[in-house]
């Protein structure tokens, strides 16, 4: 619970993002239309009971299918999620990519890495 309070009180800022128009990026954006958005990043916290999930979201567009002038039409959203109730198979793809990475130093219990 304390970790969630710390994450909720962290500062927020805006960033400029440039996306290439390619197959992978389009799939990430279209995922939000037909179902839940696909994560672009999952940052597990120490202890493995929580993670910070980041997704790209399409914002509402006008009738012509383009965002209003001065707006991007896309947003990056992050949320602290509870992974203690997730099935181990849900993270199978992510764990295969982590095998070749160096081990991170142990952090204090209750902090995100």
PDB file of N, CA and C in Angstrom:
ATOM      1  N   UNK A   1       0.826  -1.184   0.000  1.00  0.00           N
ATOM      2  CA  UNK A   1       0.000   0.000   0.000  1.00  0.00           C
ATOM      3  C   UNK A   1       0.877   1.256   0.000  1.00  0.00           C
ATOM      4  N   UNK A   2       1.952   1.218   0.759  1.00  0.00           N
ATOM      5  CA  UNK A   2       2.841   2.377   0.826  1.00  0.00           C
ATOM      6  C   UNK A   2       3.462   2.662  -0.544  1.00  0.00           C
ATOM      7  N   UNK A   3       3.802   1.595  -1.264  1.00  0.00           N
ATOM      8  CA  UNK A   3       4.392   1.756  -2.586  1.00  0.00           C
ATOM      9  C   UNK A   3       3.411   2.447  -3.533  1.00  0.00           C
ATOM     10  N   UNK A   4       2.155   2.093  -3.457  1.00  0.00           N
ATOM     11  CA  UNK A   4       1.138   2.727  -4.302  1.00  0.00           C
ATOM     12  C   UNK A   4       0.996   4.209  -3.961  1.00  0.00           C
ATOM     13  N   UNK A   5       1.076   4.543  -2.685  1.00  0.00           N
ATOM     14  CA  UNK A   5       0.992   5.946  -2.282  1.00  0.00           C
ATOM     15  C   UNK A   5       2.190   6.732  -2.810  1.00  0.00           C
ATOM     16  N   UNK A   6       3.379   6.111  -2.765  1.00  0.00           N
ATOM     17  CA  UNK A   6       4.575   6.773  -3.281  1.00  0.00           C
ATOM     18  C   UNK A   6       4.454   7.013  -4.781  1.00  0.00           C
ATOM     19  N   UNK A   7       3.958   6.017  -5.506  1.00  0.00           N
ATOM     20  CA  UNK A   7       3.809   6.162  -6.950  1.00  0.00           C
ATOM     21  C   UNK A   7       2.758   7.217  -7.288  1.00  0.00           C
ATOM     22  N   UNK A   8       1.689   7.285  -6.519  1.00  0.00           N
ATOM     23  CA  UNK A   8       0.629   8.255  -6.781  1.00  0.00           C
ATOM     24  C   UNK A   8       1.099   9.686  -6.521  1.00  0.00           C
ATOM     25  N   UNK A   9       2.076   9.859  -5.637  1.00  0.00           N
ATOM     26  CA  UNK A   9       2.537  11.207  -5.307  1.00  0.00           C
ATOM     27  C   UNK A   9       3.753  11.641  -6.125  1.00  0.00           C
ATOM     28  N   UNK A  10       4.211  10.814  -7.056  1.00  0.00           N
ATOM     29  CA  UNK A  10       5.384  11.183  -7.854  1.00  0.00           C
ATOM     30  C   UNK A  10       5.039  12.312  -8.827  1.00  0.00           C
ATOM     31  N   UNK A  11       6.019  13.124  -9.200  1.00  0.00           N
ATOM     32  CA  UNK A  11       5.745  14.239 -10.116  1.00  0.00           C
ATOM     33  C   UNK A  11       5.477  13.740 -11.532  1.00  0.00           C
ATOM     34  N   UNK A  12       4.696  14.517 -12.268  1.00  0.00           N
ATOM     35  CA  UNK A  12       4.373  14.188 -13.647  1.00  0.00           C
ATOM     36  C   UNK A  12       4.922  15.275 -14.553  1.00  0.00           C
ATOM     37  N   UNK A  13       5.230  14.913 -15.792  1.00  0.00           N
ATOM     38  CA  UNK A  13       5.740  15.877 -16.762  1.00  0.00           C
ATOM     39  C   UNK A  13       5.293  15.450 -18.152  1.00  0.00           C
ATOM     40  N   UNK A  14       5.427  16.350 -19.101  1.00  0.00           N
ATOM     41  CA  UNK A  14       5.096  15.998 -20.481  1.00  0.00           C
ATOM     42  C   UNK A  14       6.384  15.729 -21.247  1.00  0.00           C
ATOM     43  N   UNK A  15       6.298  14.887 -22.261  1.00  0.00           N
ATOM     44  CA  UNK A  15       7.440  14.569 -23.103  1.00  0.00           C
ATOM     45  C   UNK A  15       7.004  14.590 -24.560  1.00  0.00           C
ATOM     46  N   UNK A  16       7.934  14.875 -25.443  1.00  0.00           N
ATOM     47  CA  UNK A  16       7.660  14.822 -26.880  1.00  0.00           C
ATOM     48  C   UNK A  16       8.022  13.431 -27.384  1.00  0.00           C
ATOM     49  N   UNK A  17       7.120  12.802 -28.134  1.00  0.00           N
ATOM     50  CA  UNK A  17       7.334  11.447 -28.643  1.00  0.00           C
ATOM     51  C   UNK A  17       7.187  11.467 -30.154  1.00  0.00           C
ATOM     52  N   UNK A  18       8.145  10.861 -30.852  1.00  0.00           N
ATOM     53  CA  UNK A  18       8.070  10.731 -32.300  1.00  0.00           C
ATOM     54  C   UNK A  18       7.931   9.257 -32.631  1.00  0.00           C
ATOM     55  N   UNK A  19       6.898   8.910 -33.395  1.00  0.00           N
ATOM     56  CA  UNK A  19       6.679   7.523 -33.797  1.00  0.00           C
ATOM     57  C   UNK A  19       6.846   7.395 -35.297  1.00  0.00           C
ATOM     58  N   UNK A  20       7.566   6.369 -35.719  1.00  0.00           N
ATOM     59  CA  UNK A  20       7.652   6.067 -37.142  1.00  0.00           C
ATOM     60  C   UNK A  20       6.383   5.339 -37.551  1.00  0.00           C
ATOM     61  N   UNK A  21       5.913   5.585 -38.746  1.00  0.00           N
ATOM     62  CA  UNK A  21       4.741   4.867 -39.236  1.00  0.00           C
ATOM     63  C   UNK A  21       5.241   3.540 -39.773  1.00  0.00           C
ATOM     64  N   UNK A  22       5.061   2.508 -38.982  1.00  0.00           N
ATOM     65  CA  UNK A  22       5.489   1.165 -39.355  1.00  0.00           C
ATOM     66  C   UNK A  22       4.552   0.144 -38.759  1.00  0.00           C
ATOM     67  N   UNK A  23       4.755  -1.125 -39.075  1.00  0.00           N
ATOM     68  CA  UNK A  23       3.857  -2.182 -38.627  1.00  0.00           C
ATOM     69  C   UNK A  23       3.719  -2.268 -37.120  1.00  0.00           C
ATOM     70  N   UNK A  24       4.841  -2.240 -36.383  1.00  0.00           N
ATOM     71  CA  UNK A  24       4.781  -2.408 -34.937  1.00  0.00           C
ATOM     72  C   UNK A  24       4.035  -1.268 -34.266  1.00  0.00           C
ATOM     73  N   UNK A  25       4.331  -0.053 -34.664  1.00  0.00           N
ATOM     74  CA  UNK A  25       3.695   1.089 -34.030  1.00  0.00           C
ATOM     75  C   UNK A  25       2.196   1.109 -34.318  1.00  0.00           C
ATOM     76  N   UNK A  26       1.803   0.809 -35.539  1.00  0.00           N
ATOM     77  CA  UNK A  26       0.386   0.805 -35.888  1.00  0.00           C
ATOM     78  C   UNK A  26      -0.344  -0.254 -35.068  1.00  0.00           C
ATOM     79  N   UNK A  27       0.255  -1.445 -34.902  1.00  0.00           N
ATOM     80  CA  UNK A  27      -0.372  -2.501 -34.110  1.00  0.00           C
ATOM     81  C   UNK A  27      -0.573  -2.054 -32.669  1.00  0.00           C
ATOM     82  N   UNK A  28       0.391  -1.340 -32.108  1.00  0.00           N
ATOM     83  CA  UNK A  28       0.259  -0.869 -30.734  1.00  0.00           C
ATOM     84  C   UNK A  28      -0.905   0.094 -30.604  1.00  0.00           C
ATOM     85  N   UNK A  29      -1.070   0.952 -31.593  1.00  0.00           N
ATOM     86  CA  UNK A  29      -2.148   1.930 -31.533  1.00  0.00           C
ATOM     87  C   UNK A  29      -3.501   1.293 -31.808  1.00  0.00           C
ATOM     88  N   UNK A  30      -3.563   0.339 -32.720  1.00  0.00           N
ATOM     89  CA  UNK A  30      -4.834  -0.284 -33.054  1.00  0.00           C
ATOM     90  C   UNK A  30      -5.315  -1.205 -31.949  1.00  0.00           C
ATOM     91  N   UNK A  31      -4.420  -1.660 -31.075  1.00  0.00           N
ATOM     92  CA  UNK A  31      -4.832  -2.532 -29.978  1.00  0.00           C
ATOM     93  C   UNK A  31      -5.873  -1.889 -29.091  1.00  0.00           C
ATOM     94  N   UNK A  32      -5.834  -0.558 -28.922  1.00  0.00           N
ATOM     95  CA  UNK A  32      -6.788   0.141 -28.080  1.00  0.00           C
ATOM     96  C   UNK A  32      -8.174   0.217 -28.681  1.00  0.00           C
ATOM     97  N   UNK A  33      -8.301   0.055 -29.993  1.00  0.00           N
ATOM     98  CA  UNK A  33      -9.598   0.158 -30.640  1.00  0.00           C
ATOM     99  C   UNK A  33     -10.396  -1.130 -30.448  1.00  0.00           C
ATOM    100  N   UNK A  34      -9.759  -2.270 -30.628  1.00  0.00           N
ATOM    101  CA  UNK A  34     -10.453  -3.552 -30.588  1.00  0.00           C
ATOM    102  C   UNK A  34     -10.418  -4.216 -29.217  1.00  0.00           C
ATOM    103  N   UNK A  35      -9.676  -3.732 -28.300  1.00  0.00           N
ATOM    104  CA  UNK A  35      -9.565  -4.345 -26.984  1.00  0.00           C
ATOM    105  C   UNK A  35      -8.675  -3.499 -26.103  1.00  0.00           C
ATOM    106  N   UNK A  36      -8.190  -4.085 -25.026  1.00  0.00           N
ATOM    107  CA  UNK A  36      -7.310  -3.315 -24.143  1.00  0.00           C
ATOM    108  C   UNK A  36      -6.006  -2.969 -24.857  1.00  0.00           C
ATOM    109  N   UNK A  37      -5.416  -1.816 -24.545  1.00  0.00           N
ATOM    110  CA  UNK A  37      -4.161  -1.439 -25.205  1.00  0.00           C
ATOM    111  C   UNK A  37      -3.040  -2.402 -24.848  1.00  0.00           C
ATOM    112  N   UNK A  38      -2.135  -2.619 -25.788  1.00  0.00           N
ATOM    113  CA  UNK A  38      -0.975  -3.478 -25.552  1.00  0.00           C
ATOM    114  C   UNK A  38       0.089  -2.653 -24.836  1.00  0.00           C
ATOM    115  N   UNK A  39       0.728  -3.198 -23.807  1.00  0.00           N
ATOM    116  CA  UNK A  39       1.750  -2.423 -23.092  1.00  0.00           C
ATOM    117  C   UNK A  39       2.997  -2.226 -23.945  1.00  0.00           C
ATOM    118  N   UNK A  40       3.579  -1.042 -23.862  1.00  0.00           N
ATOM    119  CA  UNK A  40       4.855  -0.780 -24.519  1.00  0.00           C
ATOM    120  C   UNK A  40       6.004  -0.974 -23.535  1.00  0.00           C
ATOM    121  N   UNK A  41       5.696  -0.973 -22.237  1.00  0.00           N
ATOM    122  CA  UNK A  41       6.701  -1.221 -21.203  1.00  0.00           C
ATOM    123  C   UNK A  41       6.018  -1.736 -19.948  1.00  0.00           C
ATOM    124  N   UNK A  42       6.669  -2.694 -19.292  1.00  0.00           N
ATOM    125  CA  UNK A  42       6.232  -3.181 -17.985  1.00  0.00           C
ATOM    126  C   UNK A  42       7.471  -3.170 -17.102  1.00  0.00           C
ATOM    127  N   UNK A  43       7.450  -2.333 -16.072  1.00  0.00           N
ATOM    128  CA  UNK A  43       8.591  -2.197 -15.170  1.00  0.00           C
ATOM    129  C   UNK A  43       8.243  -2.834 -13.836  1.00  0.00           C
ATOM    130  N   UNK A  44       8.703  -4.078 -13.591  1.00  0.00           N
ATOM    131  CA  UNK A  44       8.366  -4.740 -12.327  1.00  0.00           C
ATOM    132  C   UNK A  44       9.018  -4.054 -11.136  1.00  0.00           C
ATOM    133  N   UNK A  45       8.320  -4.037 -10.040  1.00  0.00           N
ATOM    134  CA  UNK A  45       8.847  -3.511  -8.785  1.00  0.00           C
ATOM    135  C   UNK A  45       9.476  -4.655  -8.007  1.00  0.00           C
ATOM    136  N   UNK A  46      10.356  -4.336  -7.086  1.00  0.00           N
ATOM    137  CA  UNK A  46      10.985  -5.382  -6.293  1.00  0.00           C
ATOM    138  C   UNK A  46       9.919  -6.127  -5.509  1.00  0.00           C
ATOM    139  N   UNK A  47      10.107  -7.404  -5.342  1.00  0.00           N
ATOM    140  CA  UNK A  47       9.120  -8.227  -4.659  1.00  0.00           C
ATOM    141  C   UNK A  47       8.170  -8.897  -5.631  1.00  0.00           C
ATOM    142  N   UNK A  48       8.066  -8.390  -6.848  1.00  0.00           N
ATOM    143  CA  UNK A  48       7.249  -9.009  -7.876  1.00  0.00           C
ATOM    144  C   UNK A  48       5.752  -8.915  -7.673  1.00  0.00           C
ATOM    145  N   UNK A  49       5.290  -8.067  -6.767  1.00  0.00           N
ATOM    146  CA  UNK A  49       3.851  -7.967  -6.512  1.00  0.00           C
ATOM    147  C   UNK A  49       3.208  -6.783  -7.212  1.00  0.00           C
ATOM    148  N   UNK A  50       4.005  -5.901  -7.797  1.00  0.00           N
ATOM    149  CA  UNK A  50       3.476  -4.725  -8.490  1.00  0.00           C
ATOM    150  C   UNK A  50       4.399  -4.394  -9.658  1.00  0.00           C
ATOM    151  N   UNK A  51       3.868  -3.628 -10.599  1.00  0.00           N
ATOM    152  CA  UNK A  51       4.654  -3.191 -11.752  1.00  0.00           C
ATOM    153  C   UNK A  51       4.061  -1.892 -12.282  1.00  0.00           C
ATOM    154  N   UNK A  52       4.890  -1.129 -12.988  1.00  0.00           N
ATOM    155  CA  UNK A  52       4.407   0.067 -13.668  1.00  0.00           C
ATOM    156  C   UNK A  52       4.208  -0.318 -15.128  1.00  0.00           C
ATOM    157  N   UNK A  53       2.972  -0.213 -15.604  1.00  0.00           N
ATOM    158  CA  UNK A  53       2.591  -0.579 -16.965  1.00  0.00           C
ATOM    159  C   UNK A  53       2.425   0.699 -17.782  1.00  0.00           C
ATOM    160  N   UNK A  54       3.029   0.760 -18.958  1.00  0.00           N
ATOM    161  CA  UNK A  54       2.932   1.935 -19.823  1.00  0.00           C
ATOM    162  C   UNK A  54       2.310   1.533 -21.150  1.00  0.00           C
ATOM    163  N   UNK A  55       1.309   2.308 -21.596  1.00  0.00           N
ATOM    164  CA  UNK A  55       0.612   2.040 -22.858  1.00  0.00           C
ATOM    165  C   UNK A  55       0.516   3.321 -23.679  1.00  0.00           C
ATOM    166  N   UNK A  56       0.337   3.165 -24.987  1.00  0.00           N
ATOM    167  CA  UNK A  56       0.031   4.285 -25.873  1.00  0.00           C
ATOM    168  C   UNK A  56      -1.473   4.276 -26.093  1.00  0.00           C
ATOM    169  N   UNK A  57      -2.095   5.444 -26.007  1.00  0.00           N
ATOM    170  CA  UNK A  57      -3.544   5.530 -26.171  1.00  0.00           C
ATOM    171  C   UNK A  57      -3.885   6.569 -27.230  1.00  0.00           C
ATOM    172  N   UNK A  58      -4.826   6.215 -28.094  1.00  0.00           N
ATOM    173  CA  UNK A  58      -5.339   7.178 -29.073  1.00  0.00           C
ATOM    174  C   UNK A  58      -6.370   8.053 -28.387  1.00  0.00           C
ATOM    175  N   UNK A  59      -6.241   9.351 -28.572  1.00  0.00           N
ATOM    176  CA  UNK A  59      -7.208  10.293 -28.024  1.00  0.00           C
ATOM    177  C   UNK A  59      -8.345  10.478 -29.026  1.00  0.00           C
ATOM    178  N   UNK A  60      -9.491  10.980 -28.576  1.00  0.00           N
ATOM    179  CA  UNK A  60     -10.611  11.186 -29.502  1.00  0.00           C
ATOM    180  C   UNK A  60     -10.208  12.089 -30.673  1.00  0.00           C
ATOM    181  N   UNK A  61     -10.726  11.747 -31.848  1.00  0.00           N
ATOM    182  CA  UNK A  61     -10.423  12.499 -33.064  1.00  0.00           C
ATOM    183  C   UNK A  61     -11.693  13.100 -33.626  1.00  0.00           C
ATOM    184  N   UNK A  62     -11.531  14.062 -34.494  1.00  0.00           N
ATOM    185  CA  UNK A  62     -12.672  14.708 -35.129  1.00  0.00           C
ATOM    186  C   UNK A  62     -13.307  13.818 -36.183  1.00  0.00           C
ATOM    187  N   UNK A  63     -14.319  14.342 -36.854  1.00  0.00           N
ATOM    188  CA  UNK A  63     -15.043  13.586 -37.872  1.00  0.00           C
ATOM    189  C   UNK A  63     -14.142  13.185 -39.038  1.00  0.00           C
ATOM    190  N   UNK A  64     -13.119  13.974 -39.344  1.00  0.00           N
ATOM    191  CA  UNK A  64     -12.207  13.669 -40.451  1.00  0.00           C
ATOM    192  C   UNK A  64     -11.172  12.610 -40.074  1.00  0.00           C
ATOM    193  N   UNK A  65     -11.153  12.169 -38.829  1.00  0.00           N
ATOM    194  CA  UNK A  65     -10.194  11.160 -38.392  1.00  0.00           C
ATOM    195  C   UNK A  65      -8.852  11.718 -37.988  1.00  0.00           C
ATOM    196  N   UNK A  66      -8.740  13.019 -37.878  1.00  0.00           N
ATOM    197  CA  UNK A  66      -7.494  13.655 -37.446  1.00  0.00           C
ATOM    198  C   UNK A  66      -7.748  14.398 -36.145  1.00  0.00           C
ATOM    199  N   UNK A  67      -6.715  14.531 -35.307  1.00  0.00           N
ATOM    200  CA  UNK A  67      -6.915  15.267 -34.054  1.00  0.00           C
ATOM    201  C   UNK A  67      -7.139  16.753 -34.315  1.00  0.00           C
ATOM    202  N   UNK A  68      -7.759  17.446 -33.378  1.00  0.00           N
ATOM    203  CA  UNK A  68      -7.955  18.898 -33.521  1.00  0.00           C
ATOM    204  C   UNK A  68      -6.613  19.619 -33.636  1.00  0.00           C
ATOM    205  N   UNK A  69      -6.579  20.788 -34.262  1.00  0.00           N
ATOM    206  CA  UNK A  69      -5.324  21.542 -34.402  1.00  0.00           C
ATOM    207  C   UNK A  69      -4.663  21.789 -33.038  1.00  0.00           C
ATOM    208  N   UNK A  70      -3.358  21.573 -32.998  1.00  0.00           N
ATOM    209  CA  UNK A  70      -2.603  21.791 -31.772  1.00  0.00           C
ATOM    210  C   UNK A  70      -2.566  20.592 -30.840  1.00  0.00           C
ATOM    211  N   UNK A  71      -3.212  19.483 -31.214  1.00  0.00           N
ATOM    212  CA  UNK A  71      -3.207  18.278 -30.386  1.00  0.00           C
ATOM    213  C   UNK A  71      -2.568  17.135 -31.159  1.00  0.00           C
ATOM    214  N   UNK A  72      -2.003  16.185 -30.428  1.00  0.00           N
ATOM    215  CA  UNK A  72      -1.283  15.089 -31.067  1.00  0.00           C
ATOM    216  C   UNK A  72      -2.164  13.905 -31.420  1.00  0.00           C
ATOM    217  N   UNK A  73      -3.199  13.671 -30.668  1.00  0.00           N
ATOM    218  CA  UNK A  73      -4.059  12.522 -30.922  1.00  0.00           C
ATOM    219  C   UNK A  73      -3.570  11.246 -30.270  1.00  0.00           C
ATOM    220  N   UNK A  74      -2.449  11.308 -29.558  1.00  0.00           N
ATOM    221  CA  UNK A  74      -1.907  10.122 -28.886  1.00  0.00           C
ATOM    222  C   UNK A  74      -1.380  10.539 -27.517  1.00  0.00           C
ATOM    223  N   UNK A  75      -1.484   9.628 -26.557  1.00  0.00           N
ATOM    224  CA  UNK A  75      -0.990   9.903 -25.203  1.00  0.00           C
ATOM    225  C   UNK A  75      -0.275   8.674 -24.668  1.00  0.00           C
ATOM    226  N   UNK A  76       0.669   8.904 -23.782  1.00  0.00           N
ATOM    227  CA  UNK A  76       1.347   7.821 -23.073  1.00  0.00           C
ATOM    228  C   UNK A  76       0.752   7.780 -21.678  1.00  0.00           C
ATOM    229  N   UNK A  77       0.279   6.616 -21.276  1.00  0.00           N
ATOM    230  CA  UNK A  77      -0.343   6.473 -19.959  1.00  0.00           C
ATOM    231  C   UNK A  77       0.400   5.408 -19.165  1.00  0.00           C
ATOM    232  N   UNK A  78       0.613   5.667 -17.886  1.00  0.00           N
ATOM    233  CA  UNK A  78       1.260   4.702 -16.992  1.00  0.00           C
ATOM    234  C   UNK A  78       0.364   4.448 -15.799  1.00  0.00           C
ATOM    235  N   UNK A  79       0.409   3.222 -15.307  1.00  0.00           N
ATOM    236  CA  UNK A  79      -0.387   2.859 -14.135  1.00  0.00           C
ATOM    237  C   UNK A  79       0.387   1.858 -13.297  1.00  0.00           C
ATOM    238  N   UNK A  80       0.225   1.956 -12.002  1.00  0.00           N
ATOM    239  CA  UNK A  80       0.788   0.972 -11.092  1.00  0.00           C
ATOM    240  C   UNK A  80      -0.206  -0.166 -11.005  1.00  0.00           C
ATOM    241  N   UNK A  81       0.213  -1.379 -11.358  1.00  0.00           N
ATOM    242  CA  UNK A  81      -0.696  -2.521 -11.375  1.00  0.00           C
ATOM    243  C   UNK A  81      -0.282  -3.556 -10.342  1.00  0.00           C
ATOM    244  N   UNK A  82      -1.255  -4.312  -9.869  1.00  0.00           N
ATOM    245  CA  UNK A  82      -1.039  -5.395  -8.919  1.00  0.00           C
ATOM    246  C   UNK A  82      -0.812  -6.671  -9.712  1.00  0.00           C
ATOM    247  N   UNK A  83       0.383  -7.246  -9.618  1.00  0.00           N
ATOM    248  CA  UNK A  83       0.687  -8.468 -10.361  1.00  0.00           C
ATOM    249  C   UNK A  83       0.633  -9.707  -9.482  1.00  0.00           C
ATOM    250  N   UNK A  84       0.266  -9.561  -8.222  1.00  0.00           N
ATOM    251  CA  UNK A  84       0.245 -10.717  -7.327  1.00  0.00           C
ATOM    252  C   UNK A  84      -0.837 -11.714  -7.702  1.00  0.00           C
ATOM    253  N   UNK A  85      -1.891 -11.276  -8.407  1.00  0.00           N
ATOM    254  CA  UNK A  85      -2.973 -12.173  -8.799  1.00  0.00           C
ATOM    255  C   UNK A  85      -2.826 -12.673 -10.234  1.00  0.00           C
ATOM    256  N   UNK A  86      -1.757 -12.286 -10.932  1.00  0.00           N
ATOM    257  CA  UNK A  86      -1.556 -12.703 -12.315  1.00  0.00           C
ATOM    258  C   UNK A  86      -1.063 -14.138 -12.363  1.00  0.00           C
ATOM    259  N   UNK A  87      -1.448 -14.846 -13.413  1.00  0.00           N
ATOM    260  CA  UNK A  87      -0.965 -16.201 -13.638  1.00  0.00           C
ATOM    261  C   UNK A  87       0.462 -16.127 -14.171  1.00  0.00           C
ATOM    262  N   UNK A  88       1.325 -17.091 -13.835  1.00  0.00           N
ATOM    263  CA  UNK A  88       2.703 -17.065 -14.331  1.00  0.00           C
ATOM    264  C   UNK A  88       2.791 -17.048 -15.857  1.00  0.00           C
ATOM    265  N   UNK A  89       1.855 -17.660 -16.562  1.00  0.00           N
ATOM    266  CA  UNK A  89       1.888 -17.702 -18.021  1.00  0.00           C
ATOM    267  C   UNK A  89       1.689 -16.320 -18.634  1.00  0.00           C
ATOM    268  N   UNK A  90       1.057 -15.389 -17.903  1.00  0.00           N
ATOM    269  CA  UNK A  90       0.822 -14.047 -18.423  1.00  0.00           C
ATOM    270  C   UNK A  90       2.130 -13.316 -18.711  1.00  0.00           C
ATOM    271  N   UNK A  91       3.194 -13.671 -18.018  1.00  0.00           N
ATOM    272  CA  UNK A  91       4.462 -12.977 -18.171  1.00  0.00           C
ATOM    273  C   UNK A  91       5.501 -13.840 -18.877  1.00  0.00           C
ATOM    274  N   UNK A  92       5.068 -14.923 -19.516  1.00  0.00           N
ATOM    275  CA  UNK A  92       5.999 -15.836 -20.166  1.00  0.00           C
ATOM    276  C   UNK A  92       6.822 -15.130 -21.240  1.00  0.00           C
ATOM    277  N   UNK A  93       6.175 -14.342 -22.104  1.00  0.00           N
ATOM    278  CA  UNK A  93       6.888 -13.644 -23.171  1.00  0.00           C
ATOM    279  C   UNK A  93       7.920 -12.688 -22.604  1.00  0.00           C
ATOM    280  N   UNK A  94       7.575 -11.974 -21.553  1.00  0.00           N
ATOM    281  CA  UNK A  94       8.483 -10.993 -20.976  1.00  0.00           C
ATOM    282  C   UNK A  94       9.690 -11.673 -20.330  1.00  0.00           C
ATOM    283  N   UNK A  95       9.467 -12.824 -19.685  1.00  0.00           N
ATOM    284  CA  UNK A  95      10.566 -13.485 -18.991  1.00  0.00           C
ATOM    285  C   UNK A  95      11.569 -14.065 -19.974  1.00  0.00           C
ATOM    286  N   UNK A  96      11.128 -14.475 -21.165  1.00  0.00           N
ATOM    287  CA  UNK A  96      12.060 -15.008 -22.150  1.00  0.00           C
ATOM    288  C   UNK A  96      13.029 -13.931 -22.616  1.00  0.00           C
ATOM    289  N   UNK A  97      12.575 -12.696 -22.728  1.00  0.00           N
ATOM    290  CA  UNK A  97      13.436 -11.598 -23.140  1.00  0.00           C
ATOM    291  C   UNK A  97      14.387 -11.166 -22.041  1.00  0.00           C
ATOM    292  N   UNK A  98      14.083 -11.502 -20.798  1.00  0.00           N
ATOM    293  CA  UNK A  98      14.900 -11.073 -19.667  1.00  0.00           C
ATOM    294  C   UNK A  98      16.062 -12.028 -19.400  1.00  0.00           C
ATOM    295  N   UNK A  99      16.104 -13.204 -20.015  1.00  0.00           N
ATOM    296  CA  UNK A  99      17.138 -14.192 -19.715  1.00  0.00           C
ATOM    297  C   UNK A  99      18.542 -13.692 -20.035  1.00  0.00           C
ATOM    298  N   UNK A 100      18.688 -12.885 -21.068  1.00  0.00           N
ATOM    299  CA  UNK A 100      20.002 -12.428 -21.494  1.00  0.00           C
ATOM    300  C   UNK A 100      20.420 -11.118 -20.844  1.00  0.00           C
ATOM    301  N   UNK A 101      19.628 -10.606 -19.942  1.00  0.00           N
ATOM    302  CA  UNK A 101      19.947  -9.334 -19.294  1.00  0.00           C
ATOM    303  C   UNK A 101      20.758  -9.563 -18.025  1.00  0.00           C
ATOM    304  N   UNK A 102      21.553  -8.574 -17.666  1.00  0.00           N
ATOM    305  CA  UNK A 102      22.312  -8.647 -16.427  1.00  0.00           C
ATOM    306  C   UNK A 102      21.369  -8.510 -15.246  1.00  0.00           C
ATOM    307  N   UNK A 103      21.710  -9.164 -14.157  1.00  0.00           N
ATOM    308  CA  UNK A 103      20.884  -9.078 -12.949  1.00  0.00           C
ATOM    309  C   UNK A 103      21.015  -7.689 -12.343  1.00  0.00           C
ATOM    310  N   UNK A 104      19.902  -7.157 -11.871  1.00  0.00           N
ATOM    311  CA  UNK A 104      19.900  -5.854 -11.217  1.00  0.00           C
ATOM    312  C   UNK A 104      20.256  -6.017  -9.746  1.00  0.00           C
ATOM    313  N   UNK A 105      20.904  -5.027  -9.144  1.00  0.00           N
ATOM    314  CA  UNK A 105      21.180  -5.116  -7.708  1.00  0.00           C
ATOM    315  C   UNK A 105      19.873  -5.113  -6.926  1.00  0.00           C
ATOM    316  N   UNK A 106      19.883  -5.800  -5.797  1.00  0.00           N
ATOM    317  CA  UNK A 106      18.681  -5.882  -4.980  1.00  0.00           C
ATOM    318  C   UNK A 106      18.322  -4.510  -4.425  1.00  0.00           C
ATOM    319  N   UNK A 107      17.061  -4.142  -4.562  1.00  0.00           N
ATOM    320  CA  UNK A 107      16.575  -2.865  -4.033  1.00  0.00           C
ATOM    321  C   UNK A 107      15.889  -3.119  -2.699  1.00  0.00           C
ATOM    322  N   UNK A 108      15.613  -2.061  -1.981  1.00  0.00           N
ATOM    323  CA  UNK A 108      14.898  -2.187  -0.725  1.00  0.00           C
ATOM    324  C   UNK A 108      13.477  -2.640  -0.986  1.00  0.00           C
ATOM    325  N   UNK A 109      12.940  -3.440  -0.077  1.00  0.00           N
ATOM    326  CA  UNK A 109      11.557  -3.906  -0.206  1.00  0.00           C
ATOM    327  C   UNK A 109      10.617  -2.711  -0.304  1.00  0.00           C
ATOM    328  N   UNK A 110       9.687  -2.743  -1.262  1.00  0.00           N
ATOM    329  CA  UNK A 110       8.701  -1.683  -1.389  1.00  0.00           C
ATOM    330  C   UNK A 110       9.112  -0.544  -2.308  1.00  0.00           C
ATOM    331  N   UNK A 111      10.220  -0.711  -3.049  1.00  0.00           N
ATOM    332  CA  UNK A 111      10.606   0.328  -3.993  1.00  0.00           C
ATOM    333  C   UNK A 111      10.580  -0.232  -5.401  1.00  0.00           C
ATOM    334  N   UNK A 112      10.294   0.611  -6.368  1.00  0.00           N
ATOM    335  CA  UNK A 112      10.308   0.191  -7.766  1.00  0.00           C
ATOM    336  C   UNK A 112      11.731   0.259  -8.284  1.00  0.00           C
ATOM    337  N   UNK A 113      12.052  -0.626  -9.204  1.00  0.00           N
ATOM    338  CA  UNK A 113      13.382  -0.679  -9.789  1.00  0.00           C
ATOM    339  C   UNK A 113      13.335  -0.063 -11.162  1.00  0.00           C
TER     340      UNK A 113
END
